[in-house]
Amino acid sequence: MKLIPSPSRTELRGKSILLGVTGGVAAYKSANLLRELQSRGAKVQVVMTEAAQHFIGTATFQALSGEPVYTDAWDQRVSNAMAHIELSRQADIVLIVPASADFMAKLANGLADDLLSTLCIASNKPLAIAPSMNREMWAHPATQRNLKTLISDGAAIIGPDTGDQACGETGLGRMLEPYDICEAVTAMLTPKLMAGKRVVVTAGPTYEAIDPVRGITNRSSGKMGFELARALANAGAKVELIAGPTFQLTPHDVKRTDVTSALQMHAAVMRNCEPRPDVFVSVAAVADWRVVNASDRKLKKTAKRKVPELEFAENPDILSEVAALPDAPYCVGFAAESQDLLDNATAKRARKNVPLLVANIGPATFGLDDNQLLLIDENGHRSTAVRSKRSLATELVKEIARRLPMPGPGLHDDGFAFQKSDS
């Protein structure tokens, strides 16, 4: 079966974001943020302060957004001359990137002397702020007082980061990168279907050493597990991700534990099952066997040395062990098969005694961005369309939430748009 590449991401489809740009050298990064938001399906309306226009022009944002850029509280393009009211009413969130020390002070003290500050004071929508300033400005008592006030007023603060600054100094105050800001905004706008739930996820391969430089592993990239951890966190869950050797980046608001071998993964999972999580999702491709006679030195190939004989022992079955715990969490297993997918996956679900098993359809999808899934439960099996792993993870979270005893608020019983499988 040939996998068809997925279309553009649509996590923010139907969302309208008002992007406020204030004066700071990081203003140029707001253009990259705009493109990232658009790539996820969002409509972006830009409002700029006068100071921001000294760093980047309105034409740039107008060309990128396809929308007029507003800078003046008296802009006559708004029919009732109330741009500070009308613009925010159309948005799902007001996002200030970058937020200068001056602008934070304005908001904290209720000052409204230009379009953007007046708009923020007049808005009834969520407010998110990504600070950007010199490290001394960030550390100043006045800025820290203003920060506390903004947080107490309900503003979400995204960053700042530590790093090199335009002034040549290094420290806290650097604006987060556009991708990280976009991740935070995506999480804010995602329905909290898993709010109050604690979830343990495993992802990636394991590595079983033969000697200090060689080992046995598999082709798992960890992409599906990491995307699922991300989607669960965005849906409001407290996520603990236990990852084998992988180059995947840690998702926003996810606690990550790195392990190497199956025994290390088993130990980490069992630690995280005390107290019991609400859900356990076993996505990791865990080695079935380990080498018990691994050498503590590199096995050298010489003319006189025989081919080494490896002895194997079976690794713990992590999923089965968690499913067998008293008061076990809701367990979701994953299966990757090279043949007879439905028969093997169905047998695996029964053998491990888990309510839901997710199997990969088609050829090996390790490392690919797209996938197709076969979901198997006690009532049968259903398949998804080919989608990106990110899209599949989002939909799988909806399916898990639907199956839990107390689904999150606002959850509709839609789950996947399933298609009956002929497998």
Protein backbone atom coordinates (compact mmCIF):
# COMPACT_ATOMS: atom_id res chain seq x y z
CA MET A 1 0.00 0.00 0.00
CA LYS A 2 1.32 3.42 -0.98
CA LEU A 3 1.06 6.17 1.60
CA ILE A 4 -0.06 9.51 0.17
CA PRO A 5 1.58 12.59 1.73
CA SER A 6 -0.70 14.45 4.11
CA PRO A 7 -2.10 17.89 3.32
CA SER A 8 -1.14 21.02 5.26
CA ARG A 9 -1.61 20.92 9.00
CA THR A 10 -4.99 22.17 10.17
CA GLU A 11 -4.70 22.27 13.96
CA LEU A 12 -5.72 25.94 14.02
CA ARG A 13 -8.23 25.77 11.19
CA GLY A 14 -11.11 28.13 11.88
CA LYS A 15 -9.14 30.07 14.49
CA SER A 16 -8.57 33.81 14.19
CA ILE A 17 -5.51 35.27 15.87
CA LEU A 18 -4.84 38.95 16.44
CA LEU A 19 -1.07 39.36 16.35
CA GLY A 20 0.17 42.51 18.08
CA VAL A 21 3.73 43.57 17.26
CA THR A 22 5.54 46.04 19.53
CA GLY A 23 8.91 47.77 19.27
CA GLY A 24 11.91 45.47 19.54
CA VAL A 25 14.55 43.93 17.33
CA ALA A 26 12.77 40.56 17.62
CA ALA A 27 9.85 42.03 15.66
CA TYR A 28 11.25 40.46 12.49
CA LYS A 29 10.61 37.03 13.99
CA SER A 30 6.92 37.86 14.19
CA ALA A 31 6.79 37.48 10.40
CA ASN A 32 8.02 33.89 10.75
CA LEU A 33 5.48 33.31 13.52
CA LEU A 34 2.71 34.57 11.24
CA ARG A 35 3.69 32.03 8.58
CA GLU A 36 3.82 29.22 11.14
CA LEU A 37 0.36 30.11 12.43
CA GLN A 38 -0.98 30.21 8.88
CA SER A 39 0.57 26.84 8.08
CA ARG A 40 -1.62 25.38 10.82
CA GLY A 41 -4.76 26.89 9.33
CA ALA A 42 -5.14 30.09 11.37
CA LYS A 43 -6.26 33.46 10.04
CA VAL A 44 -3.93 36.18 11.35
CA GLN A 45 -4.72 39.89 11.71
CA VAL A 46 -1.75 42.14 12.51
CA VAL A 47 -1.79 45.30 14.64
CA MET A 48 1.49 47.22 15.05
CA THR A 49 2.65 49.95 17.38
CA GLU A 50 4.52 52.97 16.06
CA ALA A 51 7.74 51.67 17.62
CA ALA A 52 7.34 48.31 15.87
CA GLN A 53 7.36 50.06 12.49
CA HIS A 54 10.93 51.22 13.13
CA PHE A 55 12.02 47.57 13.04
CA ILE A 56 9.78 46.05 10.33
CA GLY A 57 7.34 47.55 7.86
CA THR A 58 3.58 47.12 7.59
CA ALA A 59 3.96 46.00 3.96
CA THR A 60 5.71 42.82 5.08
CA PHE A 61 2.87 41.73 7.33
CA GLN A 62 0.22 42.76 4.82
CA ALA A 63 1.87 40.70 2.09
CA LEU A 64 2.26 37.66 4.33
CA SER A 65 -1.15 37.77 6.00
CA GLY A 66 -3.22 38.91 3.03
CA GLU A 67 -4.99 41.23 5.46
CA PRO A 68 -4.70 44.98 6.04
CA VAL A 69 -2.36 45.93 8.87
CA TYR A 70 -3.74 48.32 11.50
CA THR A 71 -1.61 50.90 13.30
CA ASP A 72 -3.95 53.79 14.12
CA ALA A 73 -6.79 53.93 16.64
CA TRP A 74 -8.61 56.31 14.26
CA ASP A 75 -8.29 54.07 11.19
CA GLN A 76 -11.25 54.84 8.93
CA ARG A 77 -11.18 51.40 7.33
CA VAL A 78 -13.25 50.23 10.29
CA SER A 79 -16.75 51.44 9.51
CA ASN A 80 -17.63 52.70 12.98
CA ALA A 81 -14.11 54.07 13.65
CA MET A 82 -13.80 51.69 16.60
CA ALA A 83 -10.90 49.52 15.54
CA HIS A 84 -9.97 48.93 19.17
CA ILE A 85 -13.35 47.21 19.67
CA GLU A 86 -14.02 45.51 16.35
CA LEU A 87 -10.62 43.89 15.77
CA SER A 88 -10.48 41.99 19.05
CA ARG A 89 -14.09 40.82 18.82
CA GLN A 90 -13.22 38.85 15.71
CA ALA A 91 -10.27 37.06 17.32
CA ASP A 92 -10.03 33.87 19.36
CA ILE A 93 -6.87 35.13 21.07
CA VAL A 94 -4.80 38.31 21.27
CA LEU A 95 -1.11 37.48 20.93
CA ILE A 96 1.59 40.09 21.59
CA VAL A 97 4.91 39.12 19.92
CA PRO A 98 7.30 40.60 20.79
CA ALA A 99 6.11 42.28 23.99
CA SER A 100 8.49 45.07 24.99
CA ALA A 101 9.08 46.17 28.58
CA ASP A 102 7.23 49.41 27.78
CA PHE A 103 4.18 47.60 26.43
CA MET A 104 4.05 45.22 29.39
CA ALA A 105 4.11 48.27 31.68
CA LYS A 106 1.21 49.79 29.77
CA LEU A 107 -0.93 46.68 30.09
CA ALA A 108 -0.09 46.13 33.76
CA ASN A 109 -1.13 49.68 34.60
CA GLY A 110 -4.16 49.95 32.33
CA LEU A 111 -2.67 52.58 30.02
CA ALA A 112 -4.31 52.87 26.61
CA ASP A 113 -2.62 55.50 24.42
CA ASP A 114 -2.48 53.75 21.02
CA LEU A 115 -4.47 51.20 19.04
CA LEU A 116 -2.81 48.04 20.37
CA SER A 117 -2.83 48.99 24.06
CA THR A 118 -6.42 50.25 23.82
CA LEU A 119 -7.44 47.07 22.00
CA CYS A 120 -5.94 44.89 24.74
CA ILE A 121 -7.74 46.80 27.48
CA ALA A 122 -11.03 46.65 25.55
CA SER A 123 -10.71 42.96 24.65
CA ASN A 124 -12.64 40.13 26.28
CA LYS A 125 -10.50 37.46 24.60
CA PRO A 126 -7.56 35.47 26.04
CA LEU A 127 -4.30 37.42 26.05
CA ALA A 128 -0.88 35.84 25.49
CA ILE A 129 2.40 37.74 25.72
CA ALA A 130 5.88 36.76 24.49
CA PRO A 131 8.34 39.12 26.24
CA SER A 132 11.52 40.27 24.51
CA MET A 133 14.07 42.64 26.04
CA ASN A 134 17.58 43.07 27.38
CA ARG A 135 18.40 40.88 30.39
CA GLU A 136 18.74 43.88 32.72
CA MET A 137 15.37 45.24 31.59
CA TRP A 138 13.79 41.84 32.24
CA ALA A 139 15.36 41.57 35.70
CA HIS A 140 14.42 45.13 36.73
CA PRO A 141 12.01 45.20 39.72
CA ALA A 142 9.51 47.28 37.76
CA THR A 143 9.31 44.70 34.95
CA GLN A 144 8.97 41.86 37.44
CA ARG A 145 6.18 43.74 39.25
CA ASN A 146 4.41 44.27 35.95
CA LEU A 147 4.87 40.60 35.07
CA LYS A 148 3.20 39.50 38.31
CA THR A 149 0.33 41.90 37.69
CA LEU A 150 -0.22 40.60 34.17
CA ILE A 151 -0.22 37.00 35.37
CA SER A 152 -2.69 37.83 38.14
CA ASP A 153 -4.87 39.56 35.54
CA GLY A 154 -5.01 36.31 33.56
CA ALA A 155 -2.46 36.90 30.81
CA ALA A 156 -0.51 33.88 29.57
CA ILE A 157 3.24 34.54 29.50
CA ILE A 158 5.15 32.66 26.79
CA GLY A 159 8.85 32.74 27.64
CA PRO A 160 11.24 34.44 27.70
CA ASP A 161 14.28 32.34 26.90
CA THR A 162 17.94 32.57 27.84
CA GLY A 163 20.48 33.23 25.12
CA ASP A 164 22.39 35.73 23.02
CA GLN A 165 20.76 39.13 22.73
CA ALA A 166 20.99 41.80 20.04
CA CYS A 167 22.90 44.10 22.41
CA GLY A 168 25.71 41.55 22.62
CA GLU A 169 24.87 40.37 26.12
CA THR A 170 23.64 36.92 27.10
CA GLY A 171 20.90 36.14 29.56
CA LEU A 172 17.19 35.82 30.28
CA GLY A 173 14.93 38.05 28.20
CA ARG A 174 15.43 36.66 24.69
CA MET A 175 12.15 35.99 22.89
CA LEU A 176 11.22 32.36 22.33
CA GLU A 177 11.55 31.14 18.78
CA PRO A 178 8.42 31.38 16.57
CA TYR A 179 7.88 27.60 16.49
CA ASP A 180 7.85 27.40 20.30
CA ILE A 181 5.44 30.33 20.55
CA CYS A 182 3.19 28.69 17.99
CA GLU A 183 3.25 25.45 19.96
CA ALA A 184 2.15 27.31 23.09
CA VAL A 185 -0.66 29.09 21.22
CA THR A 186 -1.81 25.80 19.68
CA ALA A 187 -1.99 24.27 23.14
CA MET A 188 -3.99 27.24 24.45
CA LEU A 189 -6.55 26.90 21.65
CA THR A 190 -6.92 23.11 21.84
CA PRO A 191 -10.06 21.80 23.61
CA LYS A 192 -9.06 20.35 26.99
CA LEU A 193 -10.60 16.92 26.49
CA MET A 194 -8.02 15.34 28.83
CA ALA A 195 -8.03 18.00 31.53
CA GLY A 196 -7.21 16.54 34.94
CA LYS A 197 -5.90 13.28 33.46
CA ARG A 198 -2.41 11.93 34.03
CA VAL A 199 -0.96 9.93 31.13
CA VAL A 200 2.23 7.90 30.77
CA VAL A 201 3.49 7.43 27.20
CA THR A 202 6.40 5.37 25.90
CA ALA A 203 8.02 6.18 22.56
CA GLY A 204 10.95 5.31 20.34
CA PRO A 205 13.10 2.19 20.17
CA THR A 206 15.15 0.48 22.84
CA TYR A 207 18.82 -0.44 22.46
CA GLU A 208 20.23 -3.71 23.81
CA ALA A 209 24.02 -3.63 24.13
CA ILE A 210 26.27 -6.33 22.70
CA ASP A 211 29.44 -4.52 23.74
CA PRO A 212 30.26 -0.84 24.47
CA VAL A 213 29.95 0.16 20.79
CA ARG A 214 27.44 -2.30 19.32
CA GLY A 215 23.88 -3.20 20.06
CA ILE A 216 20.53 -4.49 18.82
CA THR A 217 17.76 -1.99 18.09
CA ASN A 218 15.02 -1.27 15.54
CA ARG A 219 13.99 1.41 13.05
CA SER A 220 11.49 3.26 15.25
CA SER A 221 11.97 7.04 15.03
CA GLY A 222 9.67 7.87 17.95
CA LYS A 223 7.59 10.28 15.82
CA MET A 224 4.20 8.75 16.56
CA GLY A 225 4.81 8.51 20.29
CA PHE A 226 6.10 12.07 20.52
CA GLU A 227 3.18 13.41 18.49
CA LEU A 228 0.78 11.56 20.76
CA ALA A 229 2.46 12.96 23.88
CA ARG A 230 2.19 16.44 22.35
CA ALA A 231 -1.49 16.00 21.49
CA LEU A 232 -2.30 14.71 24.98
CA ALA A 233 -0.54 17.68 26.60
CA ASN A 234 -2.35 20.11 24.30
CA ALA A 235 -5.61 18.47 25.36
CA GLY A 236 -4.85 19.30 28.99
CA ALA A 237 -3.33 16.05 30.25
CA LYS A 238 -0.30 15.88 32.51
CA VAL A 239 2.01 13.81 30.34
CA GLU A 240 5.07 11.81 31.37
CA LEU A 241 6.96 10.64 28.29
CA ILE A 242 9.47 7.81 28.58
CA ALA A 243 11.63 7.81 25.46
CA GLY A 244 14.18 5.42 24.05
CA PRO A 245 17.11 6.68 21.95
CA THR A 246 15.65 9.21 19.49
CA PHE A 247 16.35 12.65 18.03
CA GLN A 248 12.78 13.89 18.53
CA LEU A 249 12.34 17.21 20.37
CA THR A 250 10.46 17.22 23.66
CA PRO A 251 6.90 18.51 23.15
CA HIS A 252 5.62 21.62 24.92
CA ASP A 253 4.54 20.97 28.54
CA VAL A 254 5.65 17.32 28.53
CA LYS A 255 7.90 15.80 31.20
CA ARG A 256 10.46 13.56 29.50
CA THR A 257 12.57 10.70 30.85
CA ASP A 258 15.25 9.25 28.57
CA VAL A 259 16.14 5.57 28.74
CA THR A 260 18.20 3.21 26.60
CA SER A 261 17.33 -0.43 27.23
CA ALA A 262 14.06 -2.29 27.69
CA LEU A 263 14.92 -2.92 31.36
CA GLN A 264 15.44 0.81 31.90
CA MET A 265 12.14 1.57 30.16
CA HIS A 266 10.37 -1.04 32.29
CA ALA A 267 11.77 0.48 35.49
CA ALA A 268 10.80 4.01 34.43
CA VAL A 269 7.27 2.97 33.51
CA MET A 270 6.68 1.15 36.80
CA ARG A 271 7.98 4.18 38.76
CA ASN A 272 5.56 6.40 36.88
CA CYS A 273 2.69 4.04 37.60
CA GLU A 274 2.91 4.92 41.29
CA PRO A 275 0.50 6.51 41.87
CA ARG A 276 -1.59 5.12 39.04
CA PRO A 277 -1.96 7.25 35.92
CA ASP A 278 -5.36 7.48 34.26
CA VAL A 279 -4.00 6.27 30.92
CA PHE A 280 -0.95 4.32 29.75
CA VAL A 281 -0.07 4.43 26.04
CA SER A 282 2.63 1.99 24.93
CA VAL A 283 3.88 3.32 21.60
CA ALA A 284 7.56 2.37 22.03
CA ALA A 285 9.04 -0.43 19.95
CA VAL A 286 10.52 -2.37 22.85
CA ALA A 287 13.02 -5.15 22.15
CA ASP A 288 11.65 -8.58 22.96
CA TRP A 289 15.07 -9.91 23.96
CA ARG A 290 18.31 -8.63 25.47
CA VAL A 291 21.86 -9.96 25.35
CA VAL A 292 22.79 -11.50 28.69
CA ASN A 293 26.45 -12.11 27.89
CA ALA A 294 27.23 -8.59 26.63
CA SER A 295 30.91 -7.76 26.74
CA ASP A 296 32.29 -4.82 28.74
CA ARG A 297 34.93 -4.40 26.02
CA LYS A 298 34.64 -4.06 22.28
CA LEU A 299 34.54 -7.47 20.62
CA LYS A 300 37.47 -7.39 18.22
CA LYS A 301 37.45 -9.25 14.94
CA THR A 302 40.74 -11.11 14.51
CA ALA A 303 41.90 -13.97 12.33
CA LYS A 304 41.97 -16.38 15.27
CA ARG A 305 38.86 -15.22 17.13
CA LYS A 306 35.67 -17.17 16.63
CA VAL A 307 32.37 -15.47 15.81
CA PRO A 308 30.88 -14.48 19.19
CA GLU A 309 27.91 -16.47 20.41
CA LEU A 310 25.23 -14.27 21.91
CA GLU A 311 22.89 -15.52 24.62
CA PHE A 312 19.46 -13.93 24.90
CA ALA A 313 16.90 -13.51 27.66
CA GLU A 314 13.33 -12.29 27.28
CA ASN A 315 12.63 -8.70 28.29
CA PRO A 316 9.69 -7.80 30.52
CA ASP A 317 6.36 -7.30 28.75
CA ILE A 318 5.75 -3.74 29.90
CA LEU A 319 2.25 -3.32 28.48
CA SER A 320 0.97 -6.63 29.86
CA GLU A 321 2.44 -5.88 33.27
CA VAL A 322 0.81 -2.46 33.48
CA ALA A 323 -2.52 -3.84 32.25
CA ALA A 324 -2.39 -6.49 34.99
CA LEU A 325 -1.86 -3.99 37.83
CA PRO A 326 -4.61 -3.63 40.42
CA ASP A 327 -6.71 -0.61 39.47
CA ALA A 328 -4.85 -0.52 36.16
CA PRO A 329 -4.93 2.58 33.97
CA TYR A 330 -6.74 2.57 30.66
CA CYS A 331 -4.15 0.90 28.43
CA VAL A 332 -3.55 1.53 24.75
CA GLY A 333 -1.08 -0.67 22.90
CA PHE A 334 0.60 -0.27 19.50
CA ALA A 335 1.59 -2.98 17.05
CA ALA A 336 3.92 -3.01 14.05
CA GLU A 337 3.66 -6.17 11.94
CA SER A 338 5.27 -7.26 8.69
CA GLN A 339 2.43 -9.62 7.74
CA ASP A 340 -1.08 -10.73 8.74
CA LEU A 341 -1.62 -7.39 10.49
CA LEU A 342 -5.21 -7.86 11.61
CA ASP A 343 -4.78 -11.42 12.88
CA ASN A 344 -1.52 -10.68 14.70
CA ALA A 345 -2.74 -7.40 16.18
CA THR A 346 -6.04 -8.91 17.30
CA ALA A 347 -4.19 -11.74 19.01
CA LYS A 348 -1.82 -9.25 20.63
CA ARG A 349 -4.70 -7.24 22.08
CA ALA A 350 -6.23 -10.35 23.61
CA ARG A 351 -2.89 -11.66 24.87
CA LYS A 352 -1.98 -8.39 26.57
CA ASN A 353 -5.56 -7.84 27.79
CA VAL A 354 -5.82 -4.19 26.77
CA PRO A 355 -9.05 -2.46 25.70
CA LEU A 356 -7.58 -0.74 22.64
CA LEU A 357 -4.76 -1.72 20.28
CA VAL A 358 -3.52 0.52 17.46
CA ALA A 359 -1.78 -1.16 14.52
CA ASN A 360 0.10 0.32 11.56
CA ILE A 361 -1.45 -0.43 8.17
CA GLY A 362 0.74 -1.14 5.17
CA PRO A 363 4.54 -1.22 4.99
CA ALA A 364 6.78 -0.13 7.80
CA THR A 365 6.13 3.54 8.62
CA PHE A 366 9.14 4.04 10.87
CA GLY A 367 10.52 7.51 10.27
CA LEU A 368 7.75 8.62 7.89
CA ASP A 369 5.53 11.62 8.51
CA ASP A 370 2.35 9.88 7.36
CA ASN A 371 0.61 6.77 8.51
CA GLN A 372 -2.64 4.83 8.49
CA LEU A 373 -3.94 3.15 11.61
CA LEU A 374 -6.07 0.14 12.38
CA LEU A 375 -7.88 0.38 15.73
CA ILE A 376 -8.90 -2.88 17.36
CA ASP A 377 -11.13 -3.34 20.41
CA GLU A 378 -13.51 -5.97 21.73
CA ASN A 379 -16.15 -4.90 19.19
CA GLY A 380 -14.00 -5.29 16.09
CA HIS A 381 -11.69 -3.14 14.02
CA ARG A 382 -11.77 0.11 12.08
CA SER A 383 -9.21 1.90 9.92
CA THR A 384 -8.36 5.54 9.45
CA ALA A 385 -7.52 7.38 6.29
CA VAL A 386 -3.87 8.14 5.52
CA ARG A 387 -2.91 11.25 7.48
CA SER A 388 0.07 12.90 9.08
CA LYS A 389 1.12 11.37 12.38
CA ARG A 390 0.35 14.71 14.02
CA SER A 391 -3.22 14.62 12.71
CA LEU A 392 -3.62 10.98 13.69
CA ALA A 393 -2.34 11.73 17.20
CA THR A 394 -4.89 14.51 17.64
CA GLU A 395 -7.73 12.26 16.53
CA LEU A 396 -6.49 9.36 18.65
CA VAL A 397 -6.59 11.59 21.74
CA LYS A 398 -10.26 12.28 20.97
CA GLU A 399 -10.85 8.53 20.73
CA ILE A 400 -9.10 7.86 24.05
CA ALA A 401 -11.00 10.66 25.79
CA ARG A 402 -14.29 9.30 24.44
CA ARG A 403 -13.55 5.89 25.94
CA LEU A 404 -12.59 7.09 29.43
CA PRO A 405 -15.17 6.86 32.22
CA MET A 406 -15.41 10.65 32.52
CA PRO A 407 -14.68 12.36 29.19
CA GLY A 408 -13.48 15.91 29.29
CA PRO A 409 -15.91 18.84 29.04
CA GLY A 410 -17.16 19.69 25.59
CA LEU A 411 -16.29 16.28 24.09
CA HIS A 412 -18.56 15.10 21.33
CA ASP A 413 -18.85 11.42 20.58
CA ASP A 414 -17.36 11.71 17.12
CA GLY A 415 -13.91 10.12 17.44
CA PHE A 416 -12.37 9.07 14.13
CA ALA A 417 -14.20 9.24 10.86
CA PHE A 418 -13.77 5.47 10.70
CA GLN A 419 -13.91 3.38 7.61
CA LYS A 420 -14.63 -0.32 7.85
CA SER A 421 -11.53 -2.31 7.10
CA ASP A 422 -11.55 -5.16 4.65
CA SER A 423 -8.27 -6.52 6.04
